[in-house]
Amino acid sequence: MITKWETKEERISKFMKISPEKKLEWLGKMHEFKLKMSSKQRKKISMKLKKLHNQT
């Protein structure tokens, strides 16, 4: 049972303790999941935006 809610500072300090490698691993897994769950149209739009972003 939760008896005390975390403050904003406590949440930030908790997430700062996570190593950069773990954060990047988590982001990679989220990216893979997003790609698997996206529709073909959504993937096409994402690729167009990525190409535009890389040109600048």
PDB file of N, CA and C in Angstrom:
ATOM      1  N   MET A   1       0.841  -1.189   0.000  1.00  0.00           N
ATOM      2  CA  MET A   1       0.000   0.000   0.000  1.00  0.00           C
ATOM      3  C   MET A   1       0.880   1.244   0.000  1.00  0.00           C
ATOM      4  N   ILE A   2       0.551   2.177  -0.861  1.00  0.00           N
ATOM      5  CA  ILE A   2       1.320   3.417  -0.941  1.00  0.00           C
ATOM      6  C   ILE A   2       0.871   4.344   0.183  1.00  0.00           C
ATOM      7  N   THR A   3       1.842   4.748   1.005  1.00  0.00           N
ATOM      8  CA  THR A   3       1.506   5.669   2.089  1.00  0.00           C
ATOM      9  C   THR A   3       2.014   7.073   1.809  1.00  0.00           C
ATOM     10  N   LYS A   4       2.938   7.184   0.823  1.00  0.00           N
ATOM     11  CA  LYS A   4       3.501   8.502   0.506  1.00  0.00           C
ATOM     12  C   LYS A   4       3.778   8.569  -0.991  1.00  0.00           C
ATOM     13  N   TRP A   5       3.363   9.639  -1.632  1.00  0.00           N
ATOM     14  CA  TRP A   5       3.635   9.832  -3.049  1.00  0.00           C
ATOM     15  C   TRP A   5       5.009  10.432  -3.215  1.00  0.00           C
ATOM     16  N   GLU A   6       5.658  10.109  -4.323  1.00  0.00           N
ATOM     17  CA  GLU A   6       6.984  10.659  -4.605  1.00  0.00           C
ATOM     18  C   GLU A   6       6.879  12.128  -4.981  1.00  0.00           C
ATOM     19  N   THR A   7       7.855  12.883  -4.546  1.00  0.00           N
ATOM     20  CA  THR A   7       7.927  14.274  -4.982  1.00  0.00           C
ATOM     21  C   THR A   7       8.613  14.304  -6.350  1.00  0.00           C
ATOM     22  N   LYS A   8       8.537  15.424  -7.017  1.00  0.00           N
ATOM     23  CA  LYS A   8       9.162  15.571  -8.325  1.00  0.00           C
ATOM     24  C   LYS A   8      10.675  15.348  -8.222  1.00  0.00           C
ATOM     25  N   GLU A   9      11.288  15.884  -7.193  1.00  0.00           N
ATOM     26  CA  GLU A   9      12.730  15.735  -7.004  1.00  0.00           C
ATOM     27  C   GLU A   9      13.106  14.271  -6.769  1.00  0.00           C
ATOM     28  N   GLU A  10      12.295  13.532  -6.016  1.00  0.00           N
ATOM     29  CA  GLU A  10      12.568  12.113  -5.775  1.00  0.00           C
ATOM     30  C   GLU A  10      12.481  11.308  -7.068  1.00  0.00           C
ATOM     31  N   ARG A  11      11.493  11.610  -7.887  1.00  0.00           N
ATOM     32  CA  ARG A  11      11.362  10.911  -9.176  1.00  0.00           C
ATOM     33  C   ARG A  11      12.560  11.190 -10.073  1.00  0.00           C
ATOM     34  N   ILE A  12      12.963  12.450 -10.144  1.00  0.00           N
ATOM     35  CA  ILE A  12      14.097  12.826 -10.977  1.00  0.00           C
ATOM     36  C   ILE A  12      15.364  12.127 -10.492  1.00  0.00           C
ATOM     37  N   SER A  13      15.604  12.142  -9.192  1.00  0.00           N
ATOM     38  CA  SER A  13      16.829  11.508  -8.671  1.00  0.00           C
ATOM     39  C   SER A  13      16.799  10.002  -8.894  1.00  0.00           C
ATOM     40  N   LYS A  14      15.627   9.380  -8.823  1.00  0.00           N
ATOM     41  CA  LYS A  14      15.517   7.939  -9.060  1.00  0.00           C
ATOM     42  C   LYS A  14      15.877   7.618 -10.509  1.00  0.00           C
ATOM     43  N   PHE A  15      15.387   8.412 -11.452  1.00  0.00           N
ATOM     44  CA  PHE A  15      15.666   8.162 -12.861  1.00  0.00           C
ATOM     45  C   PHE A  15      17.097   8.540 -13.237  1.00  0.00           C
ATOM     46  N   MET A  16      17.707   9.464 -12.515  1.00  0.00           N
ATOM     47  CA  MET A  16      19.094   9.830 -12.789  1.00  0.00           C
ATOM     48  C   MET A  16      20.049   8.706 -12.398  1.00  0.00           C
ATOM     49  N   LYS A  17      19.639   7.850 -11.491  1.00  0.00           N
ATOM     50  CA  LYS A  17      20.480   6.753 -11.036  1.00  0.00           C
ATOM     51  C   LYS A  17      20.550   5.613 -12.050  1.00  0.00           C
ATOM     52  N   ILE A  18      19.644   5.598 -13.029  1.00  0.00           N
ATOM     53  CA  ILE A  18      19.649   4.561 -14.062  1.00  0.00           C
ATOM     54  C   ILE A  18      20.803   4.851 -15.020  1.00  0.00           C
ATOM     55  N   SER A  19      21.587   3.827 -15.337  1.00  0.00           N
ATOM     56  CA  SER A  19      22.760   4.021 -16.195  1.00  0.00           C
ATOM     57  C   SER A  19      22.333   4.404 -17.617  1.00  0.00           C
ATOM     58  N   PRO A  20      23.182   5.160 -18.316  1.00  0.00           N
ATOM     59  CA  PRO A  20      22.863   5.543 -19.700  1.00  0.00           C
ATOM     60  C   PRO A  20      22.665   4.328 -20.605  1.00  0.00           C
ATOM     61  N   GLU A  21      23.426   3.253 -20.365  1.00  0.00           N
ATOM     62  CA  GLU A  21      23.283   2.040 -21.175  1.00  0.00           C
ATOM     63  C   GLU A  21      21.880   1.456 -21.037  1.00  0.00           C
ATOM     64  N   LYS A  22      21.377   1.419 -19.808  1.00  0.00           N
ATOM     65  CA  LYS A  22      20.030   0.887 -19.570  1.00  0.00           C
ATOM     66  C   LYS A  22      18.975   1.778 -20.218  1.00  0.00           C
ATOM     67  N   LYS A  23      19.175   3.087 -20.145  1.00  0.00           N
ATOM     68  CA  LYS A  23      18.223   4.009 -20.761  1.00  0.00           C
ATOM     69  C   LYS A  23      18.182   3.812 -22.272  1.00  0.00           C
ATOM     70  N   LEU A  24      19.378   3.683 -22.903  1.00  0.00           N
ATOM     71  CA  LEU A  24      19.438   3.473 -24.346  1.00  0.00           C
ATOM     72  C   LEU A  24      18.831   2.129 -24.732  1.00  0.00           C
ATOM     73  N   GLU A  25      19.060   1.106 -23.919  1.00  0.00           N
ATOM     74  CA  GLU A  25      18.479  -0.210 -24.181  1.00  0.00           C
ATOM     75  C   GLU A  25      16.953  -0.127 -24.145  1.00  0.00           C
ATOM     76  N   TRP A  26      16.421   0.576 -23.153  1.00  0.00           N
ATOM     77  CA  TRP A  26      14.980   0.744 -23.018  1.00  0.00           C
ATOM     78  C   TRP A  26      14.413   1.519 -24.208  1.00  0.00           C
ATOM     79  N   LEU A  27      15.103   2.582 -24.625  1.00  0.00           N
ATOM     80  CA  LEU A  27      14.631   3.359 -25.771  1.00  0.00           C
ATOM     81  C   LEU A  27      14.634   2.528 -27.045  1.00  0.00           C
ATOM     82  N   GLY A  28      15.655   1.688 -27.211  1.00  0.00           N
ATOM     83  CA  GLY A  28      15.715   0.814 -28.383  1.00  0.00           C
ATOM     84  C   GLY A  28      14.560  -0.168 -28.416  1.00  0.00           C
ATOM     85  N   LYS A  29      14.229  -0.737 -27.266  1.00  0.00           N
ATOM     86  CA  LYS A  29      13.107  -1.675 -27.188  1.00  0.00           C
ATOM     87  C   LYS A  29      11.786  -0.968 -27.481  1.00  0.00           C
ATOM     88  N   MET A  30      11.640   0.251 -26.985  1.00  0.00           N
ATOM     89  CA  MET A  30      10.418   1.014 -27.255  1.00  0.00           C
ATOM     90  C   MET A  30      10.316   1.339 -28.742  1.00  0.00           C
ATOM     91  N   HIS A  31      11.445   1.653 -29.375  1.00  0.00           N
ATOM     92  CA  HIS A  31      11.455   1.948 -30.807  1.00  0.00           C
ATOM     93  C   HIS A  31      11.048   0.713 -31.615  1.00  0.00           C
ATOM     94  N   GLU A  32      11.608  -0.443 -31.262  1.00  0.00           N
ATOM     95  CA  GLU A  32      11.248  -1.694 -31.942  1.00  0.00           C
ATOM     96  C   GLU A  32       9.751  -1.979 -31.799  1.00  0.00           C
ATOM     97  N   PHE A  33       9.221  -1.790 -30.600  1.00  0.00           N
ATOM     98  CA  PHE A  33       7.807  -2.029 -30.345  1.00  0.00           C
ATOM     99  C   PHE A  33       6.945  -1.094 -31.191  1.00  0.00           C
ATOM    100  N   LYS A  34       7.350   0.187 -31.239  1.00  0.00           N
ATOM    101  CA  LYS A  34       6.594   1.169 -32.020  1.00  0.00           C
ATOM    102  C   LYS A  34       6.563   0.779 -33.493  1.00  0.00           C
ATOM    103  N   LEU A  35       7.703   0.326 -34.016  1.00  0.00           N
ATOM    104  CA  LEU A  35       7.755  -0.075 -35.417  1.00  0.00           C
ATOM    105  C   LEU A  35       6.860  -1.288 -35.687  1.00  0.00           C
ATOM    106  N   LYS A  36       6.831  -2.236 -34.765  1.00  0.00           N
ATOM    107  CA  LYS A  36       6.009  -3.433 -34.949  1.00  0.00           C
ATOM    108  C   LYS A  36       4.520  -3.100 -34.925  1.00  0.00           C
ATOM    109  N   MET A  37       4.142  -2.121 -34.117  1.00  0.00           N
ATOM    110  CA  MET A  37       2.733  -1.817 -33.930  1.00  0.00           C
ATOM    111  C   MET A  37       2.207  -0.737 -34.874  1.00  0.00           C
ATOM    112  N   SER A  38       3.100  -0.083 -35.604  1.00  0.00           N
ATOM    113  CA  SER A  38       2.676   0.989 -36.509  1.00  0.00           C
ATOM    114  C   SER A  38       2.071   0.414 -37.789  1.00  0.00           C
ATOM    115  N   SER A  39       1.113   1.145 -38.328  1.00  0.00           N
ATOM    116  CA  SER A  39       0.523   0.753 -39.607  1.00  0.00           C
ATOM    117  C   SER A  39       1.494   1.089 -40.734  1.00  0.00           C
ATOM    118  N   LYS A  40       1.229   0.568 -41.935  1.00  0.00           N
ATOM    119  CA  LYS A  40       2.097   0.849 -43.081  1.00  0.00           C
ATOM    120  C   LYS A  40       2.117   2.338 -43.392  1.00  0.00           C
ATOM    121  N   GLN A  41       0.959   2.977 -43.296  1.00  0.00           N
ATOM    122  CA  GLN A  41       0.886   4.408 -43.585  1.00  0.00           C
ATOM    123  C   GLN A  41       1.712   5.198 -42.572  1.00  0.00           C
ATOM    124  N   ARG A  42       1.624   4.827 -41.313  1.00  0.00           N
ATOM    125  CA  ARG A  42       2.383   5.517 -40.262  1.00  0.00           C
ATOM    126  C   ARG A  42       3.889   5.336 -40.477  1.00  0.00           C
ATOM    127  N   LYS A  43       4.305   4.122 -40.881  1.00  0.00           N
ATOM    128  CA  LYS A  43       5.718   3.862 -41.140  1.00  0.00           C
ATOM    129  C   LYS A  43       6.211   4.708 -42.306  1.00  0.00           C
ATOM    130  N   LYS A  44       5.382   4.842 -43.342  1.00  0.00           N
ATOM    131  CA  LYS A  44       5.751   5.632 -44.515  1.00  0.00           C
ATOM    132  C   LYS A  44       5.936   7.100 -44.116  1.00  0.00           C
ATOM    133  N   ILE A  45       5.051   7.629 -43.307  1.00  0.00           N
ATOM    134  CA  ILE A  45       5.154   9.016 -42.848  1.00  0.00           C
ATOM    135  C   ILE A  45       6.417   9.198 -42.009  1.00  0.00           C
ATOM    136  N   SER A  46       6.696   8.248 -41.131  1.00  0.00           N
ATOM    137  CA  SER A  46       7.894   8.332 -40.298  1.00  0.00           C
ATOM    138  C   SER A  46       9.164   8.336 -41.132  1.00  0.00           C
ATOM    139  N   MET A  47       9.201   7.509 -42.165  1.00  0.00           N
ATOM    140  CA  MET A  47      10.380   7.455 -43.031  1.00  0.00           C
ATOM    141  C   MET A  47      10.565   8.774 -43.782  1.00  0.00           C
ATOM    142  N   LYS A  48       9.469   9.382 -44.246  1.00  0.00           N
ATOM    143  CA  LYS A  48       9.559  10.673 -44.924  1.00  0.00           C
ATOM    144  C   LYS A  48      10.107  11.742 -43.981  1.00  0.00           C
ATOM    145  N   LEU A  49       9.606  11.764 -42.753  1.00  0.00           N
ATOM    146  CA  LEU A  49      10.076  12.744 -41.778  1.00  0.00           C
ATOM    147  C   LEU A  49      11.544  12.518 -41.441  1.00  0.00           C
ATOM    148  N   LYS A  50      11.945  11.252 -41.332  1.00  0.00           N
ATOM    149  CA  LYS A  50      13.339  10.942 -41.036  1.00  0.00           C
ATOM    150  C   LYS A  50      14.250  11.427 -42.153  1.00  0.00           C
ATOM    151  N   LYS A  51      13.837  11.204 -43.420  1.00  0.00           N
ATOM    152  CA  LYS A  51      14.634  11.661 -44.554  1.00  0.00           C
ATOM    153  C   LYS A  51      14.748  13.183 -44.562  1.00  0.00           C
ATOM    154  N   LEU A  52      13.639  13.880 -44.300  1.00  0.00           N
ATOM    155  CA  LEU A  52      13.662  15.335 -44.253  1.00  0.00           C
ATOM    156  C   LEU A  52      14.587  15.837 -43.142  1.00  0.00           C
ATOM    157  N   HIS A  53      14.555  15.187 -42.015  1.00  0.00           N
ATOM    158  CA  HIS A  53      15.382  15.569 -40.881  1.00  0.00           C
ATOM    159  C   HIS A  53      16.868  15.363 -41.175  1.00  0.00           C
ATOM    160  N   ASN A  54      17.188  14.278 -41.871  1.00  0.00           N
ATOM    161  CA  ASN A  54      18.587  13.974 -42.195  1.00  0.00           C
ATOM    162  C   ASN A  54      19.148  14.914 -43.252  1.00  0.00           C
ATOM    163  N   GLN A  55      18.286  15.508 -44.074  1.00  0.00           N
ATOM    164  CA  GLN A  55      18.752  16.424 -45.115  1.00  0.00           C
ATOM    165  C   GLN A  55      19.196  17.753 -44.542  1.00  0.00           C
ATOM    166  N   THR A  56      18.673  18.148 -43.415  1.00  0.00           N
ATOM    167  CA  THR A  56      19.011  19.455 -42.830  1.00  0.00           C
ATOM    168  C   THR A  56      20.233  19.400 -41.964  1.00  0.00           C
TER     169      THR A  56
END
